[in-house]
């Protein structure tokens, strides 16, 4: 069976993608920093027992990332897809009010960890002579800017540059590299944030037009990854044409994602 490793997959988009891959017949290696949260995720996927491996991993520690690769290989053999999904949002503050510890945490989790994951996966996939590496875009990847998201957006913009450059480096190898662009998802960060954004009604309106639940986005992303895109591909859920259509039809296409009975999941902007 094909195998996928997903960092930050104990909840949110990472968990939703794991479930979709399992449904498609993949073996899945889950990972996350919290053992309790990770075990809860594995238990929720108990129907697929025997096809799930849960590995505690702090993606900021390269030794942990190497152990994640080795554990997945030991459990399932060849790794066909590696997804660097783990990431966190920044505190909803101006840059000068963010603590040095939080700066380090955001940069290390969103950017340095993606570099580590890509390095380790690339080295392993070159040895096995095949594989796909996908990195997760976010707000800022397309150069959009917003107060309260400076640090987060900077890491995501750098991540996009890093991934497109890595795809160019990989062009003559058997390994393919691509980007996943999930768009806007309703999360705990969105529903609980006030801070300097300070316009919850406007944010709610925009998210009801453009936002989606992680499960919806996961269906799309996983189907495209399984199809085997070319090297350098960018798999985008919320395209410009889709966003334009949603704004044009918002007047008679009412949506309220915030009243869904399922709890908001702290991803994609908080999915370590």
C-alpha atoms as a PDB file:
ATOM      1  CA  UNK A   1       0.000   0.000   0.000  1.00  0.00           C
ATOM      2  CA  UNK A   2       1.179   3.572  -0.607  1.00  0.00           C
ATOM      3  CA  UNK A   3       2.224   5.540   2.475  1.00  0.00           C
ATOM      4  CA  UNK A   4       1.904   9.189   3.481  1.00  0.00           C
ATOM      5  CA  UNK A   5       3.497  11.078   6.378  1.00  0.00           C
ATOM      6  CA  UNK A   6       1.705  14.232   7.570  1.00  0.00           C
ATOM      7  CA  UNK A   7       3.252  16.517  10.170  1.00  0.00           C
ATOM      8  CA  UNK A   8       0.827  18.328  12.448  1.00  0.00           C
ATOM      9  CA  UNK A   9      -1.903  15.780  11.771  1.00  0.00           C
ATOM     10  CA  UNK A  10      -3.459  15.263  15.199  1.00  0.00           C
ATOM     11  CA  UNK A  11      -6.227  17.787  14.426  1.00  0.00           C
ATOM     12  CA  UNK A  12      -7.615  20.227  11.889  1.00  0.00           C
ATOM     13  CA  UNK A  13      -6.609  20.045   8.242  1.00  0.00           C
ATOM     14  CA  UNK A  14      -3.805  17.581   8.904  1.00  0.00           C
ATOM     15  CA  UNK A  15      -6.202  15.161  10.589  1.00  0.00           C
ATOM     16  CA  UNK A  16      -8.805  15.613   7.836  1.00  0.00           C
ATOM     17  CA  UNK A  17      -6.194  14.824   5.175  1.00  0.00           C
ATOM     18  CA  UNK A  18      -5.101  11.748   7.119  1.00  0.00           C
ATOM     19  CA  UNK A  19      -8.658  10.446   7.158  1.00  0.00           C
ATOM     20  CA  UNK A  20      -9.056  11.033   3.406  1.00  0.00           C
ATOM     21  CA  UNK A  21      -5.800   9.246   2.618  1.00  0.00           C
ATOM     22  CA  UNK A  22      -6.862   6.277   4.746  1.00  0.00           C
ATOM     23  CA  UNK A  23     -10.172   6.168   2.934  1.00  0.00           C
ATOM     24  CA  UNK A  24      -8.236   6.087  -0.353  1.00  0.00           C
ATOM     25  CA  UNK A  25      -6.247   3.049   0.760  1.00  0.00           C
ATOM     26  CA  UNK A  26      -3.065   4.672   2.071  1.00  0.00           C
ATOM     27  CA  UNK A  27      -1.070   3.815   5.169  1.00  0.00           C
ATOM     28  CA  UNK A  28      -0.789   7.011   7.214  1.00  0.00           C
ATOM     29  CA  UNK A  29       1.804   8.204   9.716  1.00  0.00           C
ATOM     30  CA  UNK A  30       0.338  10.838  12.025  1.00  0.00           C
ATOM     31  CA  UNK A  31       2.564  13.202  13.972  1.00  0.00           C
ATOM     32  CA  UNK A  32       2.248  15.972  16.534  1.00  0.00           C
ATOM     33  CA  UNK A  33       3.961  17.387  19.598  1.00  0.00           C
ATOM     34  CA  UNK A  34       1.324  16.315  22.133  1.00  0.00           C
ATOM     35  CA  UNK A  35       1.190  12.587  22.845  1.00  0.00           C
ATOM     36  CA  UNK A  36      -2.306  12.848  24.314  1.00  0.00           C
ATOM     37  CA  UNK A  37      -3.715  14.725  21.317  1.00  0.00           C
ATOM     38  CA  UNK A  38      -1.978  12.355  18.944  1.00  0.00           C
ATOM     39  CA  UNK A  39      -3.376   9.260  20.641  1.00  0.00           C
ATOM     40  CA  UNK A  40      -6.845  10.803  20.602  1.00  0.00           C
ATOM     41  CA  UNK A  41      -6.502  11.345  16.854  1.00  0.00           C
ATOM     42  CA  UNK A  42      -5.350   7.767  16.308  1.00  0.00           C
ATOM     43  CA  UNK A  43      -8.285   6.469  18.334  1.00  0.00           C
ATOM     44  CA  UNK A  44     -10.706   8.512  16.241  1.00  0.00           C
ATOM     45  CA  UNK A  45      -9.334   6.697  13.203  1.00  0.00           C
ATOM     46  CA  UNK A  46      -9.599   3.308  14.873  1.00  0.00           C
ATOM     47  CA  UNK A  47     -11.587   1.888  11.950  1.00  0.00           C
ATOM     48  CA  UNK A  48      -8.305   1.862  10.020  1.00  0.00           C
ATOM     49  CA  UNK A  49      -6.293   0.053  12.700  1.00  0.00           C
ATOM     50  CA  UNK A  50      -3.185  -1.495  11.188  1.00  0.00           C
ATOM     51  CA  UNK A  51      -2.834   1.307   8.662  1.00  0.00           C
ATOM     52  CA  UNK A  52      -2.041   4.063  11.178  1.00  0.00           C
ATOM     53  CA  UNK A  53       1.217   4.924  12.915  1.00  0.00           C
ATOM     54  CA  UNK A  54       1.323   7.761  15.476  1.00  0.00           C
ATOM     55  CA  UNK A  55       4.726   9.355  16.147  1.00  0.00           C
ATOM     56  CA  UNK A  56       5.324  12.158  18.632  1.00  0.00           C
ATOM     57  CA  UNK A  57       7.470  14.728  16.833  1.00  0.00           C
ATOM     58  CA  UNK A  58       8.585  18.284  17.534  1.00  0.00           C
ATOM     59  CA  UNK A  59       9.229  19.440  13.976  1.00  0.00           C
ATOM     60  CA  UNK A  60      11.561  22.170  15.275  1.00  0.00           C
ATOM     61  CA  UNK A  61      14.031  19.435  16.264  1.00  0.00           C
ATOM     62  CA  UNK A  62      15.766  17.893  13.255  1.00  0.00           C
ATOM     63  CA  UNK A  63      16.504  14.726  15.241  1.00  0.00           C
ATOM     64  CA  UNK A  64      12.773  14.286  15.819  1.00  0.00           C
ATOM     65  CA  UNK A  65      12.075  14.745  12.111  1.00  0.00           C
ATOM     66  CA  UNK A  66      14.669  12.095  11.236  1.00  0.00           C
ATOM     67  CA  UNK A  67      13.056   9.767  13.767  1.00  0.00           C
ATOM     68  CA  UNK A  68       9.668  10.432  12.172  1.00  0.00           C
ATOM     69  CA  UNK A  69      11.000   9.373   8.771  1.00  0.00           C
ATOM     70  CA  UNK A  70      12.696   6.290  10.196  1.00  0.00           C
ATOM     71  CA  UNK A  71       9.586   5.263  12.151  1.00  0.00           C
ATOM     72  CA  UNK A  72       7.394   5.547   9.053  1.00  0.00           C
ATOM     73  CA  UNK A  73       9.859   3.519   6.963  1.00  0.00           C
ATOM     74  CA  UNK A  74      10.103   0.861   9.666  1.00  0.00           C
ATOM     75  CA  UNK A  75       6.323   0.683   9.937  1.00  0.00           C
ATOM     76  CA  UNK A  76       5.289   0.850   6.287  1.00  0.00           C
ATOM     77  CA  UNK A  77       8.355   0.699   4.044  1.00  0.00           C
ATOM     78  CA  UNK A  78       8.530   3.220   1.222  1.00  0.00           C
ATOM     79  CA  UNK A  79       7.133   6.714   1.852  1.00  0.00           C
ATOM     80  CA  UNK A  80       5.247   7.940  -1.203  1.00  0.00           C
ATOM     81  CA  UNK A  81       4.099  11.356   0.057  1.00  0.00           C
ATOM     82  CA  UNK A  82       5.502  13.601   2.797  1.00  0.00           C
ATOM     83  CA  UNK A  83       3.425  16.644   3.786  1.00  0.00           C
ATOM     84  CA  UNK A  84       4.951  19.446   5.868  1.00  0.00           C
ATOM     85  CA  UNK A  85       1.672  20.632   7.358  1.00  0.00           C
ATOM     86  CA  UNK A  86       2.683  21.570  10.924  1.00  0.00           C
ATOM     87  CA  UNK A  87       2.492  25.263  11.710  1.00  0.00           C
ATOM     88  CA  UNK A  88       1.216  27.837  14.171  1.00  0.00           C
ATOM     89  CA  UNK A  89      -0.180  31.342  14.026  1.00  0.00           C
ATOM     90  CA  UNK A  90       1.382  34.339  15.711  1.00  0.00           C
ATOM     91  CA  UNK A  91      -0.111  36.171  18.689  1.00  0.00           C
ATOM     92  CA  UNK A  92      -2.612  38.771  17.429  1.00  0.00           C
ATOM     93  CA  UNK A  93      -0.253  41.638  18.202  1.00  0.00           C
ATOM     94  CA  UNK A  94       1.918  44.227  16.497  1.00  0.00           C
ATOM     95  CA  UNK A  95       5.401  42.875  15.851  1.00  0.00           C
ATOM     96  CA  UNK A  96       6.984  45.036  18.570  1.00  0.00           C
ATOM     97  CA  UNK A  97       4.660  43.581  21.186  1.00  0.00           C
ATOM     98  CA  UNK A  98       5.462  39.939  20.419  1.00  0.00           C
ATOM     99  CA  UNK A  99       7.862  38.279  22.853  1.00  0.00           C
ATOM    100  CA  UNK A 100      11.207  36.969  21.574  1.00  0.00           C
ATOM    101  CA  UNK A 101      10.089  33.480  22.602  1.00  0.00           C
ATOM    102  CA  UNK A 102       6.964  33.723  20.438  1.00  0.00           C
ATOM    103  CA  UNK A 103       8.982  35.069  17.508  1.00  0.00           C
ATOM    104  CA  UNK A 104      11.301  32.079  17.715  1.00  0.00           C
ATOM    105  CA  UNK A 105       8.393  29.664  18.081  1.00  0.00           C
ATOM    106  CA  UNK A 106       6.568  30.937  14.983  1.00  0.00           C
ATOM    107  CA  UNK A 107       9.648  31.141  12.755  1.00  0.00           C
ATOM    108  CA  UNK A 108      11.008  27.776  13.877  1.00  0.00           C
ATOM    109  CA  UNK A 109       7.672  25.958  13.504  1.00  0.00           C
ATOM    110  CA  UNK A 110       6.508  27.479  10.225  1.00  0.00           C
ATOM    111  CA  UNK A 111       9.776  27.865   8.345  1.00  0.00           C
ATOM    112  CA  UNK A 112      12.725  26.078   9.895  1.00  0.00           C
ATOM    113  CA  UNK A 113      10.664  22.928  10.491  1.00  0.00           C
ATOM    114  CA  UNK A 114       9.543  22.914   6.862  1.00  0.00           C
ATOM    115  CA  UNK A 115      13.171  23.150   5.776  1.00  0.00           C
ATOM    116  CA  UNK A 116      14.107  20.283   8.093  1.00  0.00           C
ATOM    117  CA  UNK A 117      11.180  18.187   6.879  1.00  0.00           C
ATOM    118  CA  UNK A 118      11.986  18.846   3.240  1.00  0.00           C
ATOM    119  CA  UNK A 119      15.668  17.996   3.750  1.00  0.00           C
ATOM    120  CA  UNK A 120      14.978  14.742   5.562  1.00  0.00           C
ATOM    121  CA  UNK A 121      12.259  13.671   3.123  1.00  0.00           C
ATOM    122  CA  UNK A 122      14.360  14.615   0.102  1.00  0.00           C
ATOM    123  CA  UNK A 123      17.335  12.605   1.332  1.00  0.00           C
ATOM    124  CA  UNK A 124      15.155   9.584   2.056  1.00  0.00           C
ATOM    125  CA  UNK A 125      13.253   9.771  -1.210  1.00  0.00           C
ATOM    126  CA  UNK A 126      16.451  10.062  -3.225  1.00  0.00           C
ATOM    127  CA  UNK A 127      17.566   6.810  -1.605  1.00  0.00           C
ATOM    128  CA  UNK A 128      14.282   5.109  -2.481  1.00  0.00           C
ATOM    129  CA  UNK A 129      14.253   6.804  -5.905  1.00  0.00           C
ATOM    130  CA  UNK A 130      10.731   8.218  -5.739  1.00  0.00           C
ATOM    131  CA  UNK A 131       8.345  10.379  -3.730  1.00  0.00           C
ATOM    132  CA  UNK A 132       6.413  13.625  -3.402  1.00  0.00           C
ATOM    133  CA  UNK A 133       7.042  16.429  -0.925  1.00  0.00           C
ATOM    134  CA  UNK A 134       4.299  19.003  -0.326  1.00  0.00           C
ATOM    135  CA  UNK A 135       4.581  22.174   1.755  1.00  0.00           C
ATOM    136  CA  UNK A 136       1.611  24.131   3.083  1.00  0.00           C
ATOM    137  CA  UNK A 137       1.031  27.747   2.083  1.00  0.00           C
ATOM    138  CA  UNK A 138      -0.897  30.256   4.181  1.00  0.00           C
ATOM    139  CA  UNK A 139      -1.751  33.934   4.527  1.00  0.00           C
ATOM    140  CA  UNK A 140       1.167  35.931   3.123  1.00  0.00           C
ATOM    141  CA  UNK A 141       2.251  33.374   0.542  1.00  0.00           C
ATOM    142  CA  UNK A 142       0.686  35.565  -2.153  1.00  0.00           C
ATOM    143  CA  UNK A 143       2.161  38.741  -0.587  1.00  0.00           C
ATOM    144  CA  UNK A 144      -1.085  39.789   1.103  1.00  0.00           C
ATOM    145  CA  UNK A 145      -0.485  41.804   4.272  1.00  0.00           C
ATOM    146  CA  UNK A 146      -2.534  42.487   7.393  1.00  0.00           C
ATOM    147  CA  UNK A 147      -1.874  44.020  10.786  1.00  0.00           C
ATOM    148  CA  UNK A 148      -1.483  41.275  13.338  1.00  0.00           C
ATOM    149  CA  UNK A 149      -0.220  38.748  10.802  1.00  0.00           C
ATOM    150  CA  UNK A 150       3.159  40.265   9.931  1.00  0.00           C
ATOM    151  CA  UNK A 151       5.297  37.509  11.407  1.00  0.00           C
ATOM    152  CA  UNK A 152       3.076  34.649  10.265  1.00  0.00           C
ATOM    153  CA  UNK A 153       2.800  36.070   6.735  1.00  0.00           C
ATOM    154  CA  UNK A 154       6.554  36.521   6.529  1.00  0.00           C
ATOM    155  CA  UNK A 155       7.163  32.855   7.320  1.00  0.00           C
ATOM    156  CA  UNK A 156       4.597  31.740   4.750  1.00  0.00           C
ATOM    157  CA  UNK A 157       5.999  34.014   2.048  1.00  0.00           C
ATOM    158  CA  UNK A 158       9.462  32.610   2.721  1.00  0.00           C
ATOM    159  CA  UNK A 159       8.054  29.068   2.675  1.00  0.00           C
ATOM    160  CA  UNK A 160       6.628  29.607  -0.810  1.00  0.00           C
ATOM    161  CA  UNK A 161       9.969  30.887  -2.094  1.00  0.00           C
ATOM    162  CA  UNK A 162      11.767  27.979  -0.463  1.00  0.00           C
ATOM    163  CA  UNK A 163       9.433  25.389  -1.987  1.00  0.00           C
ATOM    164  CA  UNK A 164       9.471  26.758  -5.531  1.00  0.00           C
ATOM    165  CA  UNK A 165      13.277  26.947  -5.371  1.00  0.00           C
ATOM    166  CA  UNK A 166      13.449  23.380  -4.044  1.00  0.00           C
ATOM    167  CA  UNK A 167      11.270  22.191  -6.935  1.00  0.00           C
ATOM    168  CA  UNK A 168      13.788  23.691  -9.351  1.00  0.00           C
ATOM    169  CA  UNK A 169      16.621  21.916  -7.546  1.00  0.00           C
ATOM    170  CA  UNK A 170      14.698  18.637  -7.717  1.00  0.00           C
ATOM    171  CA  UNK A 171      13.833  18.800 -11.429  1.00  0.00           C
ATOM    172  CA  UNK A 172      16.423  16.218 -12.496  1.00  0.00           C
ATOM    173  CA  UNK A 173      15.716  13.839  -9.628  1.00  0.00           C
ATOM    174  CA  UNK A 174      13.009  11.180  -9.122  1.00  0.00           C
ATOM    175  CA  UNK A 175      11.490  13.323  -6.331  1.00  0.00           C
ATOM    176  CA  UNK A 176       8.737  15.873  -6.977  1.00  0.00           C
ATOM    177  CA  UNK A 177       8.060  18.946  -4.841  1.00  0.00           C
ATOM    178  CA  UNK A 178       4.870  21.003  -4.672  1.00  0.00           C
ATOM    179  CA  UNK A 179       2.748  23.465  -2.740  1.00  0.00           C
ATOM    180  CA  UNK A 180      -0.655  23.056  -1.115  1.00  0.00           C
ATOM    181  CA  UNK A 181      -2.791  26.184  -0.824  1.00  0.00           C
ATOM    182  CA  UNK A 182      -5.829  25.500   1.386  1.00  0.00           C
ATOM    183  CA  UNK A 183      -7.369  28.964   1.392  1.00  0.00           C
ATOM    184  CA  UNK A 184      -9.390  30.214   4.359  1.00  0.00           C
ATOM    185  CA  UNK A 185     -10.699  27.868   7.030  1.00  0.00           C
ATOM    186  CA  UNK A 186     -12.752  28.593  10.124  1.00  0.00           C
ATOM    187  CA  UNK A 187     -10.596  27.839  13.150  1.00  0.00           C
ATOM    188  CA  UNK A 188     -10.347  28.591  16.856  1.00  0.00           C
ATOM    189  CA  UNK A 189      -7.931  31.395  16.009  1.00  0.00           C
ATOM    190  CA  UNK A 190     -10.528  33.084  13.835  1.00  0.00           C
ATOM    191  CA  UNK A 191     -13.478  32.585  16.170  1.00  0.00           C
ATOM    192  CA  UNK A 192     -11.655  33.697  19.325  1.00  0.00           C
ATOM    193  CA  UNK A 193      -9.374  36.467  18.074  1.00  0.00           C
ATOM    194  CA  UNK A 194     -10.054  40.108  18.840  1.00  0.00           C
ATOM    195  CA  UNK A 195      -6.763  41.973  19.291  1.00  0.00           C
ATOM    196  CA  UNK A 196      -5.690  44.505  16.699  1.00  0.00           C
ATOM    197  CA  UNK A 197      -7.843  43.094  13.899  1.00  0.00           C
ATOM    198  CA  UNK A 198     -10.775  44.273  16.009  1.00  0.00           C
ATOM    199  CA  UNK A 199     -13.578  43.881  13.455  1.00  0.00           C
ATOM    200  CA  UNK A 200     -15.149  40.492  14.202  1.00  0.00           C
ATOM    201  CA  UNK A 201     -18.323  41.165  12.185  1.00  0.00           C
ATOM    202  CA  UNK A 202     -16.400  42.003   9.043  1.00  0.00           C
ATOM    203  CA  UNK A 203     -14.135  38.978   9.527  1.00  0.00           C
ATOM    204  CA  UNK A 204     -17.153  36.730  10.051  1.00  0.00           C
ATOM    205  CA  UNK A 205     -18.788  38.000   6.857  1.00  0.00           C
ATOM    206  CA  UNK A 206     -15.654  37.437   4.779  1.00  0.00           C
ATOM    207  CA  UNK A 207     -15.110  33.964   6.187  1.00  0.00           C
ATOM    208  CA  UNK A 208     -18.702  32.985   5.491  1.00  0.00           C
ATOM    209  CA  UNK A 209     -18.095  33.935   1.867  1.00  0.00           C
ATOM    210  CA  UNK A 210     -14.596  32.568   1.329  1.00  0.00           C
ATOM    211  CA  UNK A 211     -14.040  30.104   4.157  1.00  0.00           C
ATOM    212  CA  UNK A 212     -14.533  26.348   4.318  1.00  0.00           C
ATOM    213  CA  UNK A 213     -14.298  23.532   6.830  1.00  0.00           C
ATOM    214  CA  UNK A 214     -11.034  21.524   6.882  1.00  0.00           C
ATOM    215  CA  UNK A 215     -12.864  18.390   5.733  1.00  0.00           C
ATOM    216  CA  UNK A 216     -14.018  20.077   2.518  1.00  0.00           C
ATOM    217  CA  UNK A 217     -10.543  21.328   1.690  1.00  0.00           C
ATOM    218  CA  UNK A 218      -8.948  17.987   2.560  1.00  0.00           C
ATOM    219  CA  UNK A 219     -11.146  16.149   0.050  1.00  0.00           C
ATOM    220  CA  UNK A 220      -9.876  18.380  -2.728  1.00  0.00           C
ATOM    221  CA  UNK A 221      -6.200  18.479  -1.762  1.00  0.00           C
ATOM    222  CA  UNK A 222      -5.892  14.734  -1.214  1.00  0.00           C
ATOM    223  CA  UNK A 223      -7.580  13.850  -4.509  1.00  0.00           C
ATOM    224  CA  UNK A 224      -5.135  16.090  -6.369  1.00  0.00           C
ATOM    225  CA  UNK A 225      -2.092  14.714  -4.547  1.00  0.00           C
ATOM    226  CA  UNK A 226      -3.132  11.130  -5.264  1.00  0.00           C
ATOM    227  CA  UNK A 227      -3.465  12.012  -8.962  1.00  0.00           C
ATOM    228  CA  UNK A 228       0.307  12.569  -9.068  1.00  0.00           C
ATOM    229  CA  UNK A 229       0.887  16.190 -10.096  1.00  0.00           C
ATOM    230  CA  UNK A 230       4.015  17.309 -11.907  1.00  0.00           C
ATOM    231  CA  UNK A 231       7.056  18.688 -10.131  1.00  0.00           C
ATOM    232  CA  UNK A 232       6.560  22.298  -9.019  1.00  0.00           C
ATOM    233  CA  UNK A 233       2.763  22.009  -8.937  1.00  0.00           C
ATOM    234  CA  UNK A 234       0.676  24.299  -6.749  1.00  0.00           C
ATOM    235  CA  UNK A 235      -2.584  22.677  -5.653  1.00  0.00           C
ATOM    236  CA  UNK A 236      -4.905  25.549  -4.744  1.00  0.00           C
ATOM    237  CA  UNK A 237      -8.400  25.203  -3.301  1.00  0.00           C
ATOM    238  CA  UNK A 238      -9.468  28.859  -3.196  1.00  0.00           C
ATOM    239  CA  UNK A 239      -8.536  30.134  -6.648  1.00  0.00           C
ATOM    240  CA  UNK A 240      -9.130  33.705  -7.815  1.00  0.00           C
ATOM    241  CA  UNK A 241     -12.014  32.615 -10.021  1.00  0.00           C
ATOM    242  CA  UNK A 242     -13.651  30.702  -7.172  1.00  0.00           C
ATOM    243  CA  UNK A 243     -13.272  33.674  -4.814  1.00  0.00           C
ATOM    244  CA  UNK A 244     -14.742  36.027  -7.405  1.00  0.00           C
ATOM    245  CA  UNK A 245     -17.726  33.730  -7.951  1.00  0.00           C
ATOM    246  CA  UNK A 246     -18.390  33.498  -4.228  1.00  0.00           C
ATOM    247  CA  UNK A 247     -18.374  37.277  -3.814  1.00  0.00           C
ATOM    248  CA  UNK A 248     -20.674  37.692  -6.814  1.00  0.00           C
ATOM    249  CA  UNK A 249     -23.178  35.164  -5.473  1.00  0.00           C
ATOM    250  CA  UNK A 250     -22.885  36.014  -1.772  1.00  0.00           C
ATOM    251  CA  UNK A 251     -26.161  37.960  -1.785  1.00  0.00           C
ATOM    252  CA  UNK A 252     -28.304  34.897  -2.468  1.00  0.00           C
ATOM    253  CA  UNK A 253     -25.949  32.116  -1.362  1.00  0.00           C
ATOM    254  CA  UNK A 254     -26.130  32.327   2.422  1.00  0.00           C
ATOM    255  CA  UNK A 255     -23.553  30.427   4.451  1.00  0.00           C
ATOM    256  CA  UNK A 256     -22.853  30.370   8.187  1.00  0.00           C
ATOM    257  CA  UNK A 257     -19.792  28.282   8.944  1.00  0.00           C
ATOM    258  CA  UNK A 258     -19.705  29.457  12.552  1.00  0.00           C
ATOM    259  CA  UNK A 259     -22.900  27.683  13.576  1.00  0.00           C
ATOM    260  CA  UNK A 260     -21.796  24.253  12.364  1.00  0.00           C
ATOM    261  CA  UNK A 261     -22.310  21.648  15.058  1.00  0.00           C
ATOM    262  CA  UNK A 262     -18.740  20.414  14.832  1.00  0.00           C
ATOM    263  CA  UNK A 263     -16.166  22.270  16.956  1.00  0.00           C
ATOM    264  CA  UNK A 264     -13.697  24.583  15.277  1.00  0.00           C
ATOM    265  CA  UNK A 265     -10.290  23.020  14.868  1.00  0.00           C
ATOM    266  CA  UNK A 266      -7.100  25.034  15.494  1.00  0.00           C
ATOM    267  CA  UNK A 267      -5.701  24.648  11.989  1.00  0.00           C
ATOM    268  CA  UNK A 268      -4.491  25.482   9.368  1.00  0.00           C
ATOM    269  CA  UNK A 269      -3.116  28.534  11.113  1.00  0.00           C
ATOM    270  CA  UNK A 270      -2.398  26.568  14.276  1.00  0.00           C
ATOM    271  CA  UNK A 271      -1.666  22.969  13.511  1.00  0.00           C
ATOM    272  CA  UNK A 272       1.520  21.874  15.199  1.00  0.00           C
END
